[in-house]
C-alpha cells in the first residue's frame, strides 16, 4: 500500500556498493494513480521537488522535471551518429518517453516499441500527458510481448535498436536481455548492416559503476567491433546514469557534424544535448576509465550481475 505522505527508495542492497543505510526519499503532494498488473505495481506520484514521478515496483523510473536528460541521452546519440536512420526498435520503454524522442527525428519512418506489460503502456498513455502526442503518432507501432520473442519472430531488421529496460534484478523479467548470447544470437542479426545498438546500462557514478555498468560494457565489447560508454548525471536518480552504444561500423563523434544533424533532422528542440555535450559525455573520469579497461566479467545466463535494492513506501514525512 502506498502512503501519500512520502516514498522512500533504498539505493542499494547487501551486495551493492551503496549501503543499506543510504536512502533517497521524496516528499509527496499526492498519489495521482496506482494499480497492479500481472507483472508489477505501478504508481504515478506528484512529488514536491521533481513533479510527477513514475514508480514500478516501488522503484523510480522517471521524474517529470528531469526525465529528458535520461531519454535524450538514450536515444539521440545513436540516431545522430547513424547516417540515415529510418527504423527503430525499442525494447521496453512502455512509458512512451523513448518513443517520443525517437519520433522527433523527421526522417524516421517507423518506431516499434515492445513492452511486456500492457497495463504499463495503457497506464502511461492515459497518465503521462507529455507523451500523448507520441502515442498518437502513426509511425509508432506498439507490441505487447517479451522483447526477445518479438525480435526473434520479426522479419524486419532495424537501423537502431534501443534497450530501455529495467535494471537487471535477481529474478527480474529483463535479465536475459543483458546477456552475451542475447546480444549475439538475437539482437545483432536484427540490425541492418550499418545498424547501431544502444542500451541503458545502470548507475555509473563513482561508487555505483561497478554494479552492472562495467559488465554490460564488457559484454557488449565481446559482440560488437566498436563500443562507446557514456554517462550523464540525472538529479532525481541521485547518481550518474550510464549508456553503452555499439556497432560493427565506425562510430563517428564529430561535434560539428552532430550539431548540423540536430538542426537538420530534429523537429523539436532538445533540452539537454547538443553536439558538444554528446561528445563530452563519452569522456569519462579516470576511475571509470580504469574500471572499464580492467573489467573481465561477461554476463551470461549462468553468470549474471544484479542491481540490488527495492523501493518502499513509508508514512513518515
Protein backbone atom coordinates (compact mmCIF):
# COMPACT_ATOMS: atom_id res chain seq x y z
CA UNK A 1 0.00 0.00 0.00
CA UNK A 2 1.34 3.44 -0.91
CA UNK A 3 1.09 6.09 1.77
CA UNK A 4 0.61 9.58 0.38
CA UNK A 5 2.97 11.47 2.67
CA UNK A 6 6.28 10.12 1.33
CA UNK A 7 8.02 7.48 -0.68
CA UNK A 8 11.41 6.11 0.26
CA UNK A 9 13.60 4.11 -2.11
CA UNK A 10 16.64 2.20 -1.00
CA UNK A 11 19.57 2.85 -3.28
CA UNK A 12 21.41 -0.40 -2.59
CA UNK A 13 21.28 -3.84 -1.02
CA UNK A 14 23.64 -6.06 0.89
CA UNK A 15 25.63 -6.78 -2.28
CA UNK A 16 25.64 -3.20 -3.56
CA UNK A 17 28.42 -0.65 -3.24
CA UNK A 18 25.74 1.65 -1.79
CA UNK A 19 24.82 0.59 1.73
CA UNK A 20 21.52 -0.29 3.35
CA UNK A 21 21.61 2.93 5.38
CA UNK A 22 21.76 5.14 2.27
CA UNK A 23 18.29 6.11 1.09
CA UNK A 24 16.80 8.60 -1.35
CA UNK A 25 13.41 9.98 -0.34
CA UNK A 26 10.75 12.11 -1.95
CA UNK A 27 8.16 14.21 -0.19
CA UNK A 28 4.77 13.91 -1.90
CA UNK A 29 1.84 16.13 -2.63
CA UNK A 30 -0.34 13.16 -3.60
CA UNK A 31 -0.60 9.78 -5.27
CA UNK A 32 -2.21 10.50 -8.63
CA UNK A 33 -2.86 6.93 -9.65
CA UNK A 34 -1.83 3.42 -8.66
CA UNK A 35 -2.65 -0.07 -9.93
CA UNK A 36 -1.21 -3.55 -10.16
CA UNK A 37 -0.66 -5.55 -13.32
CA UNK A 38 0.14 -9.21 -13.83
CA UNK A 39 3.82 -8.28 -13.68
CA UNK A 40 4.29 -5.30 -11.35
CA UNK A 41 2.92 -2.48 -9.18
CA UNK A 42 2.61 0.85 -10.97
CA UNK A 43 2.16 4.29 -9.42
CA UNK A 44 2.21 7.90 -10.54
CA UNK A 45 3.12 10.31 -7.76
CA UNK A 46 3.07 14.08 -7.51
CA UNK A 47 6.29 14.97 -5.70
CA UNK A 48 7.22 18.34 -4.28
CA UNK A 49 10.66 18.58 -5.93
CA UNK A 50 10.54 16.54 -9.14
CA UNK A 51 6.92 16.85 -10.27
CA UNK A 52 5.19 13.70 -11.49
CA UNK A 53 7.21 10.55 -10.80
CA UNK A 54 6.54 7.12 -12.28
CA UNK A 55 7.24 4.17 -9.99
CA UNK A 56 7.25 0.50 -10.89
CA UNK A 57 7.52 -1.96 -8.02
CA UNK A 58 8.39 0.96 -5.78
CA UNK A 59 11.44 1.94 -7.83
CA UNK A 60 11.52 5.27 -9.61
CA UNK A 61 11.51 5.04 -13.40
CA UNK A 62 11.40 8.69 -14.37
CA UNK A 63 10.61 12.13 -13.00
CA UNK A 64 8.82 14.90 -14.85
CA UNK A 65 11.43 17.58 -14.10
CA UNK A 66 14.49 15.75 -15.46
CA UNK A 67 13.46 12.62 -17.42
CA UNK A 68 14.51 14.43 -20.60
CA UNK A 69 18.16 14.03 -19.54
CA UNK A 70 17.90 10.24 -19.45
CA UNK A 71 15.76 9.86 -22.55
CA UNK A 72 17.66 12.31 -24.74
CA UNK A 73 20.93 10.58 -23.82
CA UNK A 74 19.47 7.15 -24.51
CA UNK A 75 18.04 8.00 -27.94
CA UNK A 76 19.74 10.84 -29.76
CA UNK A 77 23.45 9.93 -29.82
CA UNK A 78 22.69 6.67 -31.66
CA UNK A 79 20.23 8.24 -34.11
CA UNK A 80 22.52 11.20 -34.80
CA UNK A 81 25.66 9.10 -35.30
CA UNK A 82 23.77 6.86 -37.75
CA UNK A 83 23.95 8.29 -41.27
CA UNK A 84 20.29 7.77 -42.15
CA UNK A 85 18.12 6.04 -39.53
CA UNK A 86 14.68 5.07 -40.79
CA UNK A 87 13.59 2.26 -38.46
CA UNK A 88 13.90 2.00 -34.69
CA UNK A 89 13.10 -0.87 -32.31
CA UNK A 90 12.67 -0.12 -28.61
CA UNK A 91 12.97 -2.91 -26.06
CA UNK A 92 10.81 -1.82 -23.12
CA UNK A 93 10.02 1.87 -22.94
CA UNK A 94 6.36 1.41 -22.06
CA UNK A 95 6.00 4.92 -20.66
CA UNK A 96 6.50 6.31 -24.18
CA UNK A 97 9.32 8.78 -23.50
CA UNK A 98 11.90 6.88 -25.54
CA UNK A 99 9.48 6.67 -28.46
CA UNK A 100 8.77 10.38 -28.07
CA UNK A 101 12.44 11.22 -28.50
CA UNK A 102 12.91 8.87 -31.47
CA UNK A 103 9.87 10.36 -33.19
CA UNK A 104 11.43 13.82 -33.02
CA UNK A 105 13.61 12.69 -35.93
CA UNK A 106 11.77 13.80 -39.06
CA UNK A 107 13.21 11.09 -41.31
CA UNK A 108 12.41 8.17 -39.00
CA UNK A 109 9.67 6.21 -40.71
CA UNK A 110 8.85 3.53 -38.13
CA UNK A 111 9.32 3.04 -34.41
CA UNK A 112 8.41 -0.29 -32.83
CA UNK A 113 8.02 -0.17 -29.05
CA UNK A 114 7.84 -3.60 -27.44
CA UNK A 115 6.89 -3.80 -23.78
CA UNK A 116 5.84 -6.93 -21.92
CA UNK A 117 3.22 -5.20 -19.78
CA UNK A 118 0.10 -3.84 -21.50
CA UNK A 119 -1.04 -2.25 -18.23
CA UNK A 120 2.08 -0.08 -18.09
CA UNK A 121 1.53 1.05 -21.67
CA UNK A 122 -2.16 1.81 -21.09
CA UNK A 123 -1.40 3.47 -17.76
CA UNK A 124 1.26 5.75 -19.24
CA UNK A 125 -0.77 6.51 -22.33
CA UNK A 126 -3.56 7.80 -20.09
CA UNK A 127 -1.49 9.45 -17.37
CA UNK A 128 1.75 10.73 -18.97
CA UNK A 129 0.48 13.83 -20.76
CA UNK A 130 3.92 14.74 -22.17
CA UNK A 131 3.89 11.58 -24.29
CA UNK A 132 0.34 11.61 -25.63
CA UNK A 133 1.39 13.07 -28.98
CA UNK A 134 3.96 10.30 -29.41
CA UNK A 135 1.38 7.62 -28.61
CA UNK A 136 -0.84 9.07 -31.36
CA UNK A 137 1.92 9.26 -33.97
CA UNK A 138 1.12 6.92 -36.87
CA UNK A 139 4.79 5.95 -37.12
CA UNK A 140 4.64 4.29 -33.68
CA UNK A 141 3.82 0.58 -33.60
CA UNK A 142 3.26 -0.92 -30.14
CA UNK A 143 3.87 -4.61 -29.49
CA UNK A 144 2.89 -6.22 -26.20
CA UNK A 145 5.32 -9.09 -25.87
CA UNK A 146 8.64 -10.18 -24.47
CA UNK A 147 11.23 -8.12 -26.39
CA UNK A 148 13.34 -11.19 -27.15
CA UNK A 149 10.39 -13.15 -28.53
CA UNK A 150 9.22 -10.20 -30.60
CA UNK A 151 12.66 -9.68 -32.12
CA UNK A 152 13.08 -13.37 -32.89
CA UNK A 153 9.79 -13.62 -34.75
CA UNK A 154 10.19 -10.31 -36.59
CA UNK A 155 11.11 -10.49 -40.27
CA UNK A 156 12.33 -6.88 -40.13
CA UNK A 157 15.78 -5.53 -39.49
CA UNK A 158 16.32 -2.14 -37.89
CA UNK A 159 18.71 0.76 -38.21
CA UNK A 160 18.75 1.40 -34.47
CA UNK A 161 17.80 -0.89 -31.59
CA UNK A 162 17.35 0.73 -28.17
CA UNK A 163 17.35 -1.06 -24.84
CA UNK A 164 15.15 0.92 -22.45
CA UNK A 165 14.88 -1.93 -19.99
CA UNK A 166 14.59 -2.20 -16.25
CA UNK A 167 17.87 -2.81 -14.45
CA UNK A 168 18.73 -6.49 -14.06
CA UNK A 169 17.27 -7.63 -10.74
CA UNK A 170 17.57 -11.05 -9.19
CA UNK A 171 14.51 -12.90 -10.52
CA UNK A 172 13.61 -9.94 -12.75
CA UNK A 173 11.99 -10.20 -16.21
CA UNK A 174 14.73 -8.42 -18.19
CA UNK A 175 17.87 -10.27 -17.11
CA UNK A 176 18.24 -12.38 -20.26
CA UNK A 177 18.24 -9.22 -22.37
CA UNK A 178 21.62 -8.23 -20.92
CA UNK A 179 23.45 -11.45 -21.79
CA UNK A 180 26.12 -12.06 -24.40
CA UNK A 181 24.07 -14.80 -26.05
CA UNK A 182 21.07 -12.47 -26.48
CA UNK A 183 23.19 -9.71 -28.00
CA UNK A 184 24.98 -12.17 -30.26
CA UNK A 185 22.24 -14.55 -31.38
CA UNK A 186 19.07 -12.45 -31.28
CA UNK A 187 19.77 -8.72 -31.28
CA UNK A 188 22.74 -8.29 -33.62
CA UNK A 189 21.19 -10.28 -36.51
CA UNK A 190 18.21 -7.89 -36.39
CA UNK A 191 20.37 -4.85 -37.09
CA UNK A 192 20.86 -3.60 -40.62
CA UNK A 193 24.49 -3.74 -41.83
CA UNK A 194 25.24 -0.21 -40.60
CA UNK A 195 22.97 -0.55 -37.57
CA UNK A 196 23.59 0.80 -34.09
CA UNK A 197 22.58 -0.67 -30.74
CA UNK A 198 22.30 1.39 -27.57
CA UNK A 199 21.20 0.36 -24.10
CA UNK A 200 20.80 1.89 -20.70
CA UNK A 201 23.47 0.35 -18.51
CA UNK A 202 22.55 1.20 -14.94
CA UNK A 203 24.17 3.55 -12.42
CA UNK A 204 27.52 4.96 -13.48
CA UNK A 205 28.65 7.04 -10.53
CA UNK A 206 31.98 6.83 -8.75
CA UNK A 207 30.58 4.43 -6.15
CA UNK A 208 27.99 2.61 -8.25
CA UNK A 209 29.50 1.97 -11.69
CA UNK A 210 30.91 -1.49 -10.90
CA UNK A 211 27.46 -2.91 -10.11
CA UNK A 212 26.47 -3.55 -13.73
CA UNK A 213 27.74 -0.69 -15.92
CA UNK A 214 31.21 -2.10 -16.49
CA UNK A 215 29.87 -5.63 -17.01
CA UNK A 216 27.33 -4.53 -19.60
CA UNK A 217 30.05 -2.59 -21.42
CA UNK A 218 32.45 -5.53 -21.39
CA UNK A 219 29.75 -7.97 -22.51
CA UNK A 220 28.82 -5.80 -25.49
CA UNK A 221 32.52 -5.43 -26.37
CA UNK A 222 32.59 -9.20 -26.91
CA UNK A 223 29.84 -8.90 -29.54
CA UNK A 224 30.43 -5.63 -31.44
CA UNK A 225 33.59 -4.21 -33.00
CA UNK A 226 33.05 -0.62 -31.86
CA UNK A 227 31.68 0.25 -28.43
CA UNK A 228 31.32 3.60 -26.62
CA UNK A 229 30.33 4.13 -23.00
CA UNK A 230 28.95 7.48 -21.88
CA UNK A 231 27.33 8.97 -18.79
CA UNK A 232 25.23 11.86 -17.51
CA UNK A 233 24.04 12.95 -14.09
CA UNK A 234 20.27 12.68 -13.52
CA UNK A 235 19.30 14.62 -10.37
CA UNK A 236 16.21 12.58 -9.48
CA UNK A 237 18.31 9.38 -9.52
CA UNK A 238 20.86 10.97 -7.16
CA UNK A 239 23.54 9.46 -9.37
CA UNK A 240 25.01 9.35 -12.84
CA UNK A 241 23.44 7.05 -15.42
CA UNK A 242 25.39 5.03 -17.95
CA UNK A 243 24.67 4.01 -21.54
CA UNK A 244 26.55 1.80 -23.98
CA UNK A 245 26.43 2.35 -27.72
CA UNK A 246 27.73 -0.23 -30.19
CA UNK A 247 28.08 -1.06 -33.88
CA UNK A 248 30.26 -3.03 -36.25
CA UNK A 249 30.67 0.19 -38.23
CA UNK A 250 32.87 3.08 -37.05
CA UNK A 251 31.11 5.38 -34.59
CA UNK A 252 31.98 8.94 -35.60
CA UNK A 253 31.84 11.58 -32.88
CA UNK A 254 32.25 14.95 -34.55
CA UNK A 255 30.87 18.00 -32.78
CA UNK A 256 30.19 19.96 -35.95
CA UNK A 257 28.50 17.07 -37.74
CA UNK A 258 26.34 16.23 -34.73
CA UNK A 259 25.30 19.86 -34.35
CA UNK A 260 24.38 20.04 -38.03
CA UNK A 261 22.36 16.83 -37.85
CA UNK A 262 20.45 18.09 -34.81
CA UNK A 263 19.44 21.19 -36.77
CA UNK A 264 18.54 19.27 -39.92
CA UNK A 265 16.85 16.18 -38.52
CA UNK A 266 15.06 17.06 -35.29
CA UNK A 267 11.76 18.90 -35.44
CA UNK A 268 11.64 19.90 -31.76
CA UNK A 269 14.30 21.48 -29.61
CA UNK A 270 16.50 19.24 -27.48
CA UNK A 271 16.60 20.47 -23.90
CA UNK A 272 19.84 18.82 -22.76
CA UNK A 273 22.00 17.67 -25.66
CA UNK A 274 23.92 19.41 -28.39
CA UNK A 275 26.86 18.21 -30.46
CA UNK A 276 29.46 19.21 -27.87
CA UNK A 277 27.65 17.64 -24.92
CA UNK A 278 27.20 14.35 -26.79
CA UNK A 279 30.94 14.15 -27.38
CA UNK A 280 31.82 15.30 -23.86
CA UNK A 281 29.55 12.66 -22.30
CA UNK A 282 31.90 9.99 -23.68
CA UNK A 283 34.90 11.49 -21.85
CA UNK A 284 34.90 9.53 -18.61
CA UNK A 285 36.81 10.23 -15.43
CA UNK A 286 39.93 8.23 -14.57
CA UNK A 287 38.13 5.91 -12.16
CA UNK A 288 35.52 4.83 -14.71
CA UNK A 289 38.11 4.55 -17.49
CA UNK A 290 40.23 2.24 -15.36
CA UNK A 291 37.25 0.10 -14.33
CA UNK A 292 36.10 -0.32 -17.93
CA UNK A 293 39.59 -1.32 -19.05
CA UNK A 294 40.01 -3.82 -16.22
CA UNK A 295 36.53 -5.38 -16.30
CA UNK A 296 36.63 -9.06 -17.29
CA UNK A 297 33.11 -10.17 -16.40
CA UNK A 298 30.85 -11.22 -19.28
CA UNK A 299 27.14 -11.52 -18.50
CA UNK A 300 25.67 -14.92 -19.26
CA UNK A 301 22.56 -16.75 -18.12
CA UNK A 302 24.69 -18.61 -15.59
CA UNK A 303 26.88 -15.69 -14.52
CA UNK A 304 24.71 -12.60 -14.13
CA UNK A 305 25.12 -9.47 -12.09
CA UNK A 306 22.24 -7.62 -10.50
CA UNK A 307 21.24 -4.29 -9.07
CA UNK A 308 20.10 -4.84 -5.51
CA UNK A 309 17.58 -2.86 -3.51
CA UNK A 310 13.89 -2.11 -3.92
CA UNK A 311 11.60 0.83 -3.35
CA UNK A 312 9.48 1.02 -0.26
CA UNK A 313 6.64 3.19 0.93
CA UNK A 314 6.68 5.00 4.22
CA UNK A 315 4.18 7.00 6.22
CA UNK A 316 6.95 9.10 7.78
CA UNK A 317 7.45 12.51 6.19
